[in-house]
Structure formats: C-alpha cells, structure tokens
Protein backbone atom coordinates (compact mmCIF):
# COMPACT_ATOMS: atom_id res chain seq x y z
CA UNK A 1 -10.35 28.81 22.03
CA UNK A 2 -7.74 26.48 21.29
CA UNK A 3 -9.45 23.66 21.92
CA UNK A 4 -12.02 25.02 19.46
CA UNK A 5 -9.45 25.58 16.60
CA UNK A 6 -7.72 21.87 17.38
CA UNK A 7 -11.09 20.29 16.40
CA UNK A 8 -12.18 22.43 13.21
CA UNK A 9 -8.15 21.19 11.95
CA UNK A 10 -9.26 17.67 12.86
CA UNK A 11 -12.49 18.22 10.98
CA UNK A 12 -10.90 20.49 8.11
CA UNK A 13 -8.20 17.69 7.79
CA UNK A 14 -10.55 14.45 7.74
CA UNK A 15 -12.60 15.98 4.45
CA UNK A 16 -9.97 17.21 2.86
CA UNK A 17 -8.22 13.66 3.15
CA UNK A 18 -11.17 12.40 1.23
CA UNK A 19 -10.44 13.31 -2.34
CA UNK A 20 -11.59 12.34 -6.13
CA UNK A 21 -10.07 12.75 -9.10
CA UNK A 22 -11.95 14.04 -12.19
CA UNK A 23 -11.35 12.41 -15.33
CA UNK A 24 -11.35 13.94 -18.71
CA UNK A 25 -11.58 11.60 -21.67
CA UNK A 26 -12.75 10.76 -25.03
CA UNK A 27 -16.11 9.00 -22.15
CA UNK A 28 -16.30 12.51 -20.82
CA UNK A 29 -16.04 14.21 -17.64
CA UNK A 30 -16.27 11.70 -14.22
CA UNK A 31 -15.42 12.12 -10.73
CA UNK A 32 -13.57 9.29 -10.11
CA UNK A 33 -11.86 7.01 -6.84
CA UNK A 34 -8.42 7.23 -7.36
CA UNK A 35 -7.94 3.76 -6.49
CA UNK A 36 -6.44 0.99 -8.89
CA UNK A 37 -8.77 -1.70 -9.38
CA UNK A 38 -7.82 -5.45 -9.61
CA UNK A 39 -9.74 -8.22 -10.15
CA UNK A 40 -8.11 -11.87 -10.08
CA UNK A 41 -8.30 -15.47 -9.74
CA UNK A 42 -6.75 -17.56 -7.52
CA UNK A 43 -5.49 -21.33 -8.59
CA UNK A 44 -5.51 -24.32 -5.86
CA UNK A 45 -3.99 -27.85 -6.12
CA UNK A 46 -6.54 -30.91 -5.72
CA UNK A 47 -5.74 -30.45 -2.10
CA UNK A 48 -6.81 -26.60 -2.06
CA UNK A 49 -3.55 -25.37 -1.35
CA UNK A 50 -2.26 -22.46 -3.78
CA UNK A 51 -0.33 -23.83 -6.91
CA UNK A 52 1.66 -21.23 -9.79
CA UNK A 53 0.23 -22.65 -12.87
CA UNK A 54 1.36 -22.99 -16.71
CA UNK A 55 -0.08 -21.27 -19.86
CA UNK A 56 -2.02 -18.32 -17.74
CA UNK A 57 -3.90 -16.56 -21.05
CA UNK A 58 -6.79 -14.12 -20.93
CA UNK A 59 -8.88 -14.22 -23.74
CA UNK A 60 -11.95 -11.04 -24.81
CA UNK A 61 -14.38 -13.44 -26.32
CA UNK A 62 -16.44 -10.44 -27.16
CA UNK A 63 -14.03 -8.75 -29.62
CA UNK A 64 -11.95 -12.38 -30.27
CA UNK A 65 -8.94 -10.44 -28.74
CA UNK A 66 -5.95 -11.80 -27.03
CA UNK A 67 -5.37 -9.46 -23.52
CA UNK A 68 -2.40 -9.41 -21.65
CA UNK A 69 -3.19 -7.50 -18.14
CA UNK A 70 -0.36 -9.05 -16.01
CA UNK A 71 1.29 -6.03 -13.88
CA UNK A 72 5.05 -5.70 -14.08
CA UNK A 73 6.83 -5.90 -10.59
CA UNK A 74 3.90 -6.72 -8.69
CA UNK A 75 4.36 -9.80 -5.32
CA UNK A 76 1.20 -11.61 -5.56
CA UNK A 77 0.31 -14.65 -3.65
CA UNK A 78 1.62 -17.58 -4.99
CA UNK A 79 -1.31 -19.18 -7.89
CA UNK A 80 -3.16 -15.67 -7.71
CA UNK A 81 -3.43 -14.16 -11.49
CA UNK A 82 -4.62 -11.05 -12.82
CA UNK A 83 -7.24 -11.09 -14.97
CA UNK A 84 -8.00 -7.23 -15.54
CA UNK A 85 -7.08 -4.14 -13.88
CA UNK A 86 -7.35 -0.49 -14.17
CA UNK A 87 -3.95 -0.34 -16.55
CA UNK A 88 -5.79 -2.07 -19.30
CA UNK A 89 -9.52 -1.08 -18.85
CA UNK A 90 -10.61 0.52 -22.08
CA UNK A 91 -9.56 -3.33 -23.34
CA UNK A 92 -13.07 -3.98 -21.98
CA UNK A 93 -16.72 -2.54 -22.57
CA UNK A 94 -18.35 -0.31 -20.04
CA UNK A 95 -21.15 -2.97 -20.37
CA UNK A 96 -19.23 -5.73 -20.22
CA UNK A 97 -17.50 -8.51 -22.42
CA UNK A 98 -17.32 -11.92 -21.60
CA UNK A 99 -13.39 -13.10 -20.86
CA UNK A 100 -12.40 -16.84 -21.24
CA UNK A 101 -9.58 -17.46 -18.58
CA UNK A 102 -7.23 -20.68 -18.86
CA UNK A 103 -4.74 -22.45 -17.08
CA UNK A 104 -2.81 -25.46 -16.83
CA UNK A 105 -1.27 -27.40 -13.67
CA UNK A 106 2.16 -27.85 -14.69
CA UNK A 107 1.72 -31.38 -12.50
CA UNK A 108 -1.12 -33.20 -13.76
CA UNK A 109 -1.44 -30.57 -17.00
CA UNK A 110 -4.91 -30.31 -16.99
CA UNK A 111 -6.25 -27.15 -18.38
CA UNK A 112 -9.23 -25.45 -16.97
CA UNK A 113 -11.13 -22.86 -18.90
CA UNK A 114 -13.65 -20.18 -16.90
CA UNK A 115 -15.37 -17.87 -17.98
CA UNK A 116 -15.82 -13.74 -16.73
CA UNK A 117 -17.61 -10.98 -17.58
CA UNK A 118 -15.94 -7.97 -16.87
CA UNK A 119 -16.77 -3.81 -17.55
CA UNK A 120 -14.39 -1.52 -18.10
CA UNK A 121 -14.03 1.29 -20.83
CA UNK A 122 -15.83 4.55 -19.97
CA UNK A 123 -16.16 3.29 -16.54
CA UNK A 124 -14.28 5.09 -13.57
CA UNK A 125 -12.49 1.31 -12.95
CA UNK A 126 -12.49 -2.19 -14.04
CA UNK A 127 -15.03 -4.37 -12.06
CA UNK A 128 -15.99 -8.00 -12.23
CA UNK A 129 -19.90 -8.66 -13.08
CA UNK A 130 -19.29 -12.60 -12.94
CA UNK A 131 -17.02 -15.20 -12.19
CA UNK A 132 -15.04 -17.39 -10.84
CA UNK A 133 -12.55 -16.15 -7.54
CA UNK A 134 -10.99 -19.64 -7.15
CA UNK A 135 -10.53 -22.53 -9.43
CA UNK A 136 -9.34 -25.99 -8.07
CA UNK A 137 -7.46 -28.36 -10.49
CA UNK A 138 -8.54 -31.81 -9.31
C-alpha cells in the first residue's frame, strides 16, 4: 500500500510541475509557457573567435523605429548580443517584422548589417522567423 502511495505521489508531482500560465491582455486570453524567450546574435572576428562590437543597433524596418532590446544585468558570452526578447515583444507584430541589426568591429572598423524577421505582439513569445545566428567580420 505504501509503495502505491509513493508511486501515485510521484505521478501527481510530475504532472503538477509542468504548468502553464494564462495570459490575459488586449490580445485575448491564451495559454503560454512561463519561459522567457531571447533571440540573439553572435559576432566573431576573422579567425572565428567571439568579439565585442561597437555601435550595436537594432532597427525595426517595418515600423521605422529604433529598438533597445538589451536586458539589464545579464551576463552573456563575449560577442553575443540580444536582438529581441519577451521583454520587448510588443514592439514586434504578431506576423513578424523585418529587423535590421548593425554592428561595427572595434579593430577593423568594418560595419556589418544583417536582417531578421521576428514576430512578437500577441504571440506568447518572440520568435525568429529568419536571420543569422552568427556574423563573422572579415
């Protein structure tokens, strides 16, 4: 009997631990996971090593607006920059916006521009529809 109670407790605990939150907003009520989504980009030098950049900018081409998606006090890998997060998901449309990301290599002064398509808005989380994961400076 005790063994059956332990098994039942384990099953109930595992089912309860997988919870979702309900989001009520102007977008309506939807069930969303409690994760915090981040979309980022990694910059490397011409040898493929991660590199910090100067003048990192994110611009929403669709809405013609500069975005500031940085997350305060986040420790990231060198050369990794946040392009979008759930913290600013309402700055993107639910269908997806064209985003231009620009950064300059501090050594060579070369500027690289890349485009993303990112959705947010009434979706539960930001999502990358298209775009690069890594940009290598020449």
